[in-house]
C-alpha cells in the first residue's frame, strides 16, 4: 500500500484530570489548546510557532509530569510540527509525540476520551515504517479502533480512520467513516479545527463517491 509519509495536523479534544493542581493545569491546558487552534487554523508558515509551542508544552510537562492532558497536548503539538516540517527531518518530532502520547494513555487508560489514541493512530499510519521510522498499519488500526470504542461519532477519529481505510483499499468502509465525520458534532472548544476536518471529510466523500 502506498503511503504519503506526511504527518497529520490533528484536531483533537482533551479531558481534564482533577488534582490538587487542577486549576493551574486546566489553565495551562486551555492556553495550549487556544494557541494550537490559532496556529493550525490560520494560513501561512506554522513551523516556528509550533516549535515555540512545543517548547512551552515540554516545560509544562516537566512541571506536571503526571498530567495526562498536558502529555496529550504535547503529543498533538509535536505531531502537528512534524506534519508542518515534513520529510525525514520530522521523525524526531514524531517520535517525541509517540512517547508523550504513550505515557498519556498509561496514566489515563481511556486515552483522554480517545484523543490520544486518534493521534497515535494517525502517527502510526503516516510515519514511514521499516528501518526509517515506526509506522505500522496494524498498530494504526488498533489505535483507531480504541478511539472509536470510546468516541464512535468523533469527527477527528472518523476522518483520519477514513483516510487510513482509503490507503488500505477499503473504500466502502472509508465512505462510511467519512460520512460519520461529516455528521459528527463539533466540540465547543475545538470548533474551528473540527469544522476544518468536516470540510476535508466532505471533500473526501465527494472524491470517493464521485
C-alpha atoms as a PDB file:
ATOM      1  CA  UNK A   1       0.000   0.000   0.000  1.00  0.00           C
ATOM      2  CA  UNK A   2       1.333   3.405  -0.869  1.00  0.00           C
ATOM      3  CA  UNK A   3       1.949   5.878   1.914  1.00  0.00           C
ATOM      4  CA  UNK A   4       2.039   9.643   1.789  1.00  0.00           C
ATOM      5  CA  UNK A   5       4.561   9.725   4.627  1.00  0.00           C
ATOM      6  CA  UNK A   6       3.196  13.027   5.813  1.00  0.00           C
ATOM      7  CA  UNK A   7       2.372  13.877   9.362  1.00  0.00           C
ATOM      8  CA  UNK A   8      -1.161  14.807  10.413  1.00  0.00           C
ATOM      9  CA  UNK A   9      -2.329  18.013  11.975  1.00  0.00           C
ATOM     10  CA  UNK A  10      -4.842  16.649  14.329  1.00  0.00           C
ATOM     11  CA  UNK A  11      -7.930  18.283  15.654  1.00  0.00           C
ATOM     12  CA  UNK A  12      -8.341  16.614  18.972  1.00  0.00           C
ATOM     13  CA  UNK A  13     -10.135  17.297  22.239  1.00  0.00           C
ATOM     14  CA  UNK A  14      -8.856  16.529  25.720  1.00  0.00           C
ATOM     15  CA  UNK A  15     -10.382  15.686  29.079  1.00  0.00           C
ATOM     16  CA  UNK A  16      -9.178  17.370  32.249  1.00  0.00           C
ATOM     17  CA  UNK A  17      -7.908  15.357  35.194  1.00  0.00           C
ATOM     18  CA  UNK A  18      -8.631  16.943  38.580  1.00  0.00           C
ATOM     19  CA  UNK A  19      -5.900  17.020  41.230  1.00  0.00           C
ATOM     20  CA  UNK A  20      -4.590  19.475  43.851  1.00  0.00           C
ATOM     21  CA  UNK A  21      -3.001  21.324  40.942  1.00  0.00           C
ATOM     22  CA  UNK A  22      -6.102  21.025  38.774  1.00  0.00           C
ATOM     23  CA  UNK A  23      -6.810  24.745  38.421  1.00  0.00           C
ATOM     24  CA  UNK A  24      -3.283  25.578  37.275  1.00  0.00           C
ATOM     25  CA  UNK A  25      -3.203  22.579  34.958  1.00  0.00           C
ATOM     26  CA  UNK A  26      -6.541  23.450  33.403  1.00  0.00           C
ATOM     27  CA  UNK A  27      -5.391  26.988  32.712  1.00  0.00           C
ATOM     28  CA  UNK A  28      -2.213  25.755  31.067  1.00  0.00           C
ATOM     29  CA  UNK A  29      -4.072  23.127  29.021  1.00  0.00           C
ATOM     30  CA  UNK A  30      -6.614  25.719  27.877  1.00  0.00           C
ATOM     31  CA  UNK A  31      -3.843  28.068  26.790  1.00  0.00           C
ATOM     32  CA  UNK A  32      -2.012  25.341  24.846  1.00  0.00           C
ATOM     33  CA  UNK A  33      -5.290  24.412  23.171  1.00  0.00           C
ATOM     34  CA  UNK A  34      -6.088  28.028  22.245  1.00  0.00           C
ATOM     35  CA  UNK A  35      -2.612  28.627  20.839  1.00  0.00           C
ATOM     36  CA  UNK A  36      -2.617  25.361  18.865  1.00  0.00           C
ATOM     37  CA  UNK A  37      -6.057  26.113  17.467  1.00  0.00           C
ATOM     38  CA  UNK A  38      -4.996  29.625  16.411  1.00  0.00           C
ATOM     39  CA  UNK A  39      -1.764  28.436  14.786  1.00  0.00           C
ATOM     40  CA  UNK A  40      -3.139  25.438  12.913  1.00  0.00           C
ATOM     41  CA  UNK A  41      -6.315  27.046  11.573  1.00  0.00           C
ATOM     42  CA  UNK A  42      -4.624  30.109  10.083  1.00  0.00           C
ATOM     43  CA  UNK A  43      -2.827  30.111   6.728  1.00  0.00           C
ATOM     44  CA  UNK A  44       0.874  30.680   6.438  1.00  0.00           C
ATOM     45  CA  UNK A  45       4.077  29.198   7.828  1.00  0.00           C
ATOM     46  CA  UNK A  46       3.424  27.409  11.101  1.00  0.00           C
ATOM     47  CA  UNK A  47       6.679  25.613  11.849  1.00  0.00           C
ATOM     48  CA  UNK A  48       8.328  28.214  14.074  1.00  0.00           C
ATOM     49  CA  UNK A  49       5.137  28.936  16.017  1.00  0.00           C
ATOM     50  CA  UNK A  50       4.555  25.230  16.626  1.00  0.00           C
ATOM     51  CA  UNK A  51       8.179  24.765  17.688  1.00  0.00           C
ATOM     52  CA  UNK A  52       7.795  27.526  20.277  1.00  0.00           C
ATOM     53  CA  UNK A  53       4.538  25.998  21.499  1.00  0.00           C
ATOM     54  CA  UNK A  54       6.210  22.579  21.736  1.00  0.00           C
ATOM     55  CA  UNK A  55       8.895  24.106  23.955  1.00  0.00           C
ATOM     56  CA  UNK A  56       6.210  25.543  26.218  1.00  0.00           C
ATOM     57  CA  UNK A  57       4.471  22.162  26.390  1.00  0.00           C
ATOM     58  CA  UNK A  58       7.762  20.457  27.288  1.00  0.00           C
ATOM     59  CA  UNK A  59       8.298  22.931  30.127  1.00  0.00           C
ATOM     60  CA  UNK A  60       4.795  22.323  31.473  1.00  0.00           C
ATOM     61  CA  UNK A  61       5.173  18.544  31.304  1.00  0.00           C
ATOM     62  CA  UNK A  62       8.362  18.962  33.340  1.00  0.00           C
ATOM     63  CA  UNK A  63       6.330  20.815  35.973  1.00  0.00           C
ATOM     64  CA  UNK A  64       3.378  18.389  35.889  1.00  0.00           C
ATOM     65  CA  UNK A  65       4.856  15.052  34.734  1.00  0.00           C
ATOM     66  CA  UNK A  66       1.777  13.041  35.761  1.00  0.00           C
ATOM     67  CA  UNK A  67      -0.754  15.245  33.936  1.00  0.00           C
ATOM     68  CA  UNK A  68      -2.161  13.115  31.123  1.00  0.00           C
ATOM     69  CA  UNK A  69      -3.893  16.079  29.471  1.00  0.00           C
ATOM     70  CA  UNK A  70      -0.638  18.023  29.176  1.00  0.00           C
ATOM     71  CA  UNK A  71       1.166  14.989  27.783  1.00  0.00           C
ATOM     72  CA  UNK A  72      -1.589  14.564  25.211  1.00  0.00           C
ATOM     73  CA  UNK A  73      -1.287  18.154  24.105  1.00  0.00           C
ATOM     74  CA  UNK A  74       2.476  17.842  23.939  1.00  0.00           C
ATOM     75  CA  UNK A  75       1.947  14.897  21.592  1.00  0.00           C
ATOM     76  CA  UNK A  76      -0.603  16.758  19.479  1.00  0.00           C
ATOM     77  CA  UNK A  77       1.663  19.793  19.134  1.00  0.00           C
ATOM     78  CA  UNK A  78       4.721  17.712  18.226  1.00  0.00           C
ATOM     79  CA  UNK A  79       2.704  15.732  15.673  1.00  0.00           C
ATOM     80  CA  UNK A  80       1.490  18.980  14.126  1.00  0.00           C
ATOM     81  CA  UNK A  81       5.031  20.340  13.970  1.00  0.00           C
ATOM     82  CA  UNK A  82       6.214  17.106  12.333  1.00  0.00           C
ATOM     83  CA  UNK A  83       3.478  17.420   9.690  1.00  0.00           C
ATOM     84  CA  UNK A  84       4.364  21.042   9.042  1.00  0.00           C
ATOM     85  CA  UNK A  85       8.090  20.381   8.655  1.00  0.00           C
ATOM     86  CA  UNK A  86       7.654  17.123   6.720  1.00  0.00           C
ATOM     87  CA  UNK A  87      10.300  14.728   5.468  1.00  0.00           C
ATOM     88  CA  UNK A  88      12.762  12.629   7.419  1.00  0.00           C
ATOM     89  CA  UNK A  89      13.765  15.654   9.488  1.00  0.00           C
ATOM     90  CA  UNK A  90      10.350  15.488  11.153  1.00  0.00           C
ATOM     91  CA  UNK A  91      10.882  11.977  12.515  1.00  0.00           C
ATOM     92  CA  UNK A  92      12.354  13.179  15.808  1.00  0.00           C
ATOM     93  CA  UNK A  93       9.204  15.241  16.422  1.00  0.00           C
ATOM     94  CA  UNK A  94       7.030  12.246  15.538  1.00  0.00           C
ATOM     95  CA  UNK A  95       8.957  10.023  17.948  1.00  0.00           C
ATOM     96  CA  UNK A  96       8.594  12.634  20.662  1.00  0.00           C
ATOM     97  CA  UNK A  97       4.861  12.777  20.001  1.00  0.00           C
ATOM     98  CA  UNK A  98       4.552   8.999  20.246  1.00  0.00           C
ATOM     99  CA  UNK A  99       6.469   8.938  23.532  1.00  0.00           C
ATOM    100  CA  UNK A 100       4.291  11.647  25.087  1.00  0.00           C
ATOM    101  CA  UNK A 101       1.052  10.027  23.922  1.00  0.00           C
ATOM    102  CA  UNK A 102       2.010   6.552  25.091  1.00  0.00           C
ATOM    103  CA  UNK A 103       2.804   7.988  28.514  1.00  0.00           C
ATOM    104  CA  UNK A 104      -0.558   9.776  28.498  1.00  0.00           C
ATOM    105  CA  UNK A 105      -2.506   6.571  27.884  1.00  0.00           C
ATOM    106  CA  UNK A 106      -0.536   4.819  30.618  1.00  0.00           C
ATOM    107  CA  UNK A 107      -1.808   7.482  33.016  1.00  0.00           C
ATOM    108  CA  UNK A 108      -5.327   7.504  31.575  1.00  0.00           C
ATOM    109  CA  UNK A 109      -6.437   4.185  30.006  1.00  0.00           C
ATOM    110  CA  UNK A 110      -9.362   5.970  28.337  1.00  0.00           C
ATOM    111  CA  UNK A 111      -6.852   7.944  26.312  1.00  0.00           C
ATOM    112  CA  UNK A 112      -8.441  11.253  27.334  1.00  0.00           C
ATOM    113  CA  UNK A 113     -11.770  10.495  25.706  1.00  0.00           C
ATOM    114  CA  UNK A 114      -9.999   8.793  22.819  1.00  0.00           C
ATOM    115  CA  UNK A 115      -7.901  11.788  21.804  1.00  0.00           C
ATOM    116  CA  UNK A 116      -4.502  10.240  22.459  1.00  0.00           C
ATOM    117  CA  UNK A 117      -5.446   7.109  20.509  1.00  0.00           C
ATOM    118  CA  UNK A 118      -6.561   9.168  17.489  1.00  0.00           C
ATOM    119  CA  UNK A 119      -3.204  10.923  17.381  1.00  0.00           C
ATOM    120  CA  UNK A 120      -1.280   7.689  17.817  1.00  0.00           C
ATOM    121  CA  UNK A 121      -3.311   6.051  15.056  1.00  0.00           C
ATOM    122  CA  UNK A 122      -2.582   8.873  12.646  1.00  0.00           C
ATOM    123  CA  UNK A 123       1.115   8.834  13.509  1.00  0.00           C
ATOM    124  CA  UNK A 124       1.460   5.078  13.002  1.00  0.00           C
ATOM    125  CA  UNK A 125      -0.405   5.499   9.703  1.00  0.00           C
ATOM    126  CA  UNK A 126       1.648   8.372   8.299  1.00  0.00           C
ATOM    127  CA  UNK A 127       5.172   7.823   9.631  1.00  0.00           C
ATOM    128  CA  UNK A 128       7.416   5.694   7.379  1.00  0.00           C
ATOM    129  CA  UNK A 129       7.964   2.140   8.551  1.00  0.00           C
ATOM    130  CA  UNK A 130      10.854  -0.258   8.256  1.00  0.00           C
ATOM    131  CA  UNK A 131      14.326   0.873   9.240  1.00  0.00           C
ATOM    132  CA  UNK A 132      13.448   4.553   8.834  1.00  0.00           C
ATOM    133  CA  UNK A 133      10.588   5.100  11.243  1.00  0.00           C
ATOM    134  CA  UNK A 134       7.982   3.334  13.341  1.00  0.00           C
ATOM    135  CA  UNK A 135       4.967   3.349  11.020  1.00  0.00           C
ATOM    136  CA  UNK A 136       2.827   0.222  11.186  1.00  0.00           C
ATOM    137  CA  UNK A 137      -0.614  -0.355   9.662  1.00  0.00           C
ATOM    138  CA  UNK A 138      -1.759  -2.937  12.196  1.00  0.00           C
ATOM    139  CA  UNK A 139      -0.879  -0.679  15.128  1.00  0.00           C
ATOM    140  CA  UNK A 140      -2.507   2.301  13.432  1.00  0.00           C
ATOM    141  CA  UNK A 141      -5.766   0.420  13.006  1.00  0.00           C
ATOM    142  CA  UNK A 142      -5.673  -0.825  16.603  1.00  0.00           C
ATOM    143  CA  UNK A 143      -5.305   2.761  17.840  1.00  0.00           C
ATOM    144  CA  UNK A 144      -8.180   3.983  15.668  1.00  0.00           C
ATOM    145  CA  UNK A 145     -10.368   1.151  16.906  1.00  0.00           C
ATOM    146  CA  UNK A 146      -9.651   2.054  20.523  1.00  0.00           C
ATOM    147  CA  UNK A 147     -10.582   5.660  19.842  1.00  0.00           C
ATOM    148  CA  UNK A 148     -13.790   4.620  18.064  1.00  0.00           C
ATOM    149  CA  UNK A 149     -14.782   2.418  21.004  1.00  0.00           C
ATOM    150  CA  UNK A 150     -14.541   5.468  23.269  1.00  0.00           C
ATOM    151  CA  UNK A 151     -15.923   8.167  20.937  1.00  0.00           C
ATOM    152  CA  UNK A 152     -17.641   6.497  17.958  1.00  0.00           C
ATOM    153  CA  UNK A 153     -19.087   9.693  16.484  1.00  0.00           C
ATOM    154  CA  UNK A 154     -15.943  11.823  16.765  1.00  0.00           C
ATOM    155  CA  UNK A 155     -15.222  13.930  13.689  1.00  0.00           C
ATOM    156  CA  UNK A 156     -11.464  13.539  14.101  1.00  0.00           C
ATOM    157  CA  UNK A 157     -11.237   9.777  14.560  1.00  0.00           C
ATOM    158  CA  UNK A 158     -13.704   9.053  11.764  1.00  0.00           C
ATOM    159  CA  UNK A 159     -11.933  11.358   9.314  1.00  0.00           C
ATOM    160  CA  UNK A 160      -8.434  10.044   9.983  1.00  0.00           C
ATOM    161  CA  UNK A 161      -9.660   6.456  10.009  1.00  0.00           C
ATOM    162  CA  UNK A 162     -11.421   7.063   6.678  1.00  0.00           C
ATOM    163  CA  UNK A 163      -8.125   8.266   5.202  1.00  0.00           C
ATOM    164  CA  UNK A 164      -6.395   5.177   6.548  1.00  0.00           C
ATOM    165  CA  UNK A 165      -9.072   2.946   5.007  1.00  0.00           C
ATOM    166  CA  UNK A 166      -8.684   4.639   1.618  1.00  0.00           C
ATOM    167  CA  UNK A 167      -4.963   3.875   1.679  1.00  0.00           C
ATOM    168  CA  UNK A 168      -5.797   0.286   2.634  1.00  0.00           C
ATOM    169  CA  UNK A 169      -8.089  -0.121  -0.384  1.00  0.00           C
ATOM    170  CA  UNK A 170     -11.231  -0.463   1.765  1.00  0.00           C
ATOM    171  CA  UNK A 171     -13.356   2.124   0.009  1.00  0.00           C
ATOM    172  CA  UNK A 172     -16.790   1.116   1.312  1.00  0.00           C
ATOM    173  CA  UNK A 173     -15.611   1.326   4.903  1.00  0.00           C
ATOM    174  CA  UNK A 174     -13.873   4.616   4.164  1.00  0.00           C
ATOM    175  CA  UNK A 175     -17.112   6.089   2.833  1.00  0.00           C
ATOM    176  CA  UNK A 176     -18.987   5.019   5.962  1.00  0.00           C
ATOM    177  CA  UNK A 177     -16.468   6.698   8.267  1.00  0.00           C
ATOM    178  CA  UNK A 178     -16.216   9.822   6.119  1.00  0.00           C
ATOM    179  CA  UNK A 179     -19.993  10.146   6.470  1.00  0.00           C
ATOM    180  CA  UNK A 180     -19.706   9.777  10.237  1.00  0.00           C
ATOM    181  CA  UNK A 181     -17.099  12.530  10.274  1.00  0.00           C
ATOM    182  CA  UNK A 182     -19.361  14.745   8.189  1.00  0.00           C
ATOM    183  CA  UNK A 183     -22.297  14.165  10.542  1.00  0.00           C
ATOM    184  CA  UNK A 184     -20.380  14.371  13.842  1.00  0.00           C
ATOM    185  CA  UNK A 185     -20.842  17.176  16.355  1.00  0.00           C
ATOM    186  CA  UNK A 186     -18.242  19.892  16.639  1.00  0.00           C
ATOM    187  CA  UNK A 187     -16.846  20.379  20.118  1.00  0.00           C
ATOM    188  CA  UNK A 188     -17.282  23.849  21.574  1.00  0.00           C
ATOM    189  CA  UNK A 189     -13.614  24.318  22.418  1.00  0.00           C
ATOM    190  CA  UNK A 190     -12.483  22.778  19.122  1.00  0.00           C
ATOM    191  CA  UNK A 191     -14.985  24.355  16.762  1.00  0.00           C
ATOM    192  CA  UNK A 192     -12.583  25.811  14.188  1.00  0.00           C
ATOM    193  CA  UNK A 193     -10.420  22.704  13.845  1.00  0.00           C
ATOM    194  CA  UNK A 194     -13.402  20.337  13.895  1.00  0.00           C
ATOM    195  CA  UNK A 195     -15.081  22.357  11.145  1.00  0.00           C
ATOM    196  CA  UNK A 196     -11.865  22.239   9.128  1.00  0.00           C
ATOM    197  CA  UNK A 197     -11.889  18.451   9.412  1.00  0.00           C
ATOM    198  CA  UNK A 198     -15.550  18.351   8.444  1.00  0.00           C
ATOM    199  CA  UNK A 199     -14.687  20.282   5.271  1.00  0.00           C
ATOM    200  CA  UNK A 200     -11.941  17.771   4.489  1.00  0.00           C
ATOM    201  CA  UNK A 201     -14.343  14.893   5.143  1.00  0.00           C
ATOM    202  CA  UNK A 202     -16.834  16.416   2.708  1.00  0.00           C
ATOM    203  CA  UNK A 203     -14.133  16.654   0.022  1.00  0.00           C
ATOM    204  CA  UNK A 204     -13.023  13.082   0.694  1.00  0.00           C
ATOM    205  CA  UNK A 205     -16.574  11.823   0.446  1.00  0.00           C
ATOM    206  CA  UNK A 206     -17.115  13.596  -2.883  1.00  0.00           C
ATOM    207  CA  UNK A 207     -13.962  12.005  -4.240  1.00  0.00           C
ATOM    208  CA  UNK A 208     -14.886   8.527  -3.050  1.00  0.00           C
ATOM    209  CA  UNK A 209     -18.470   8.669  -4.246  1.00  0.00           C
ATOM    210  CA  UNK A 210     -17.758  10.522  -7.467  1.00  0.00           C
END
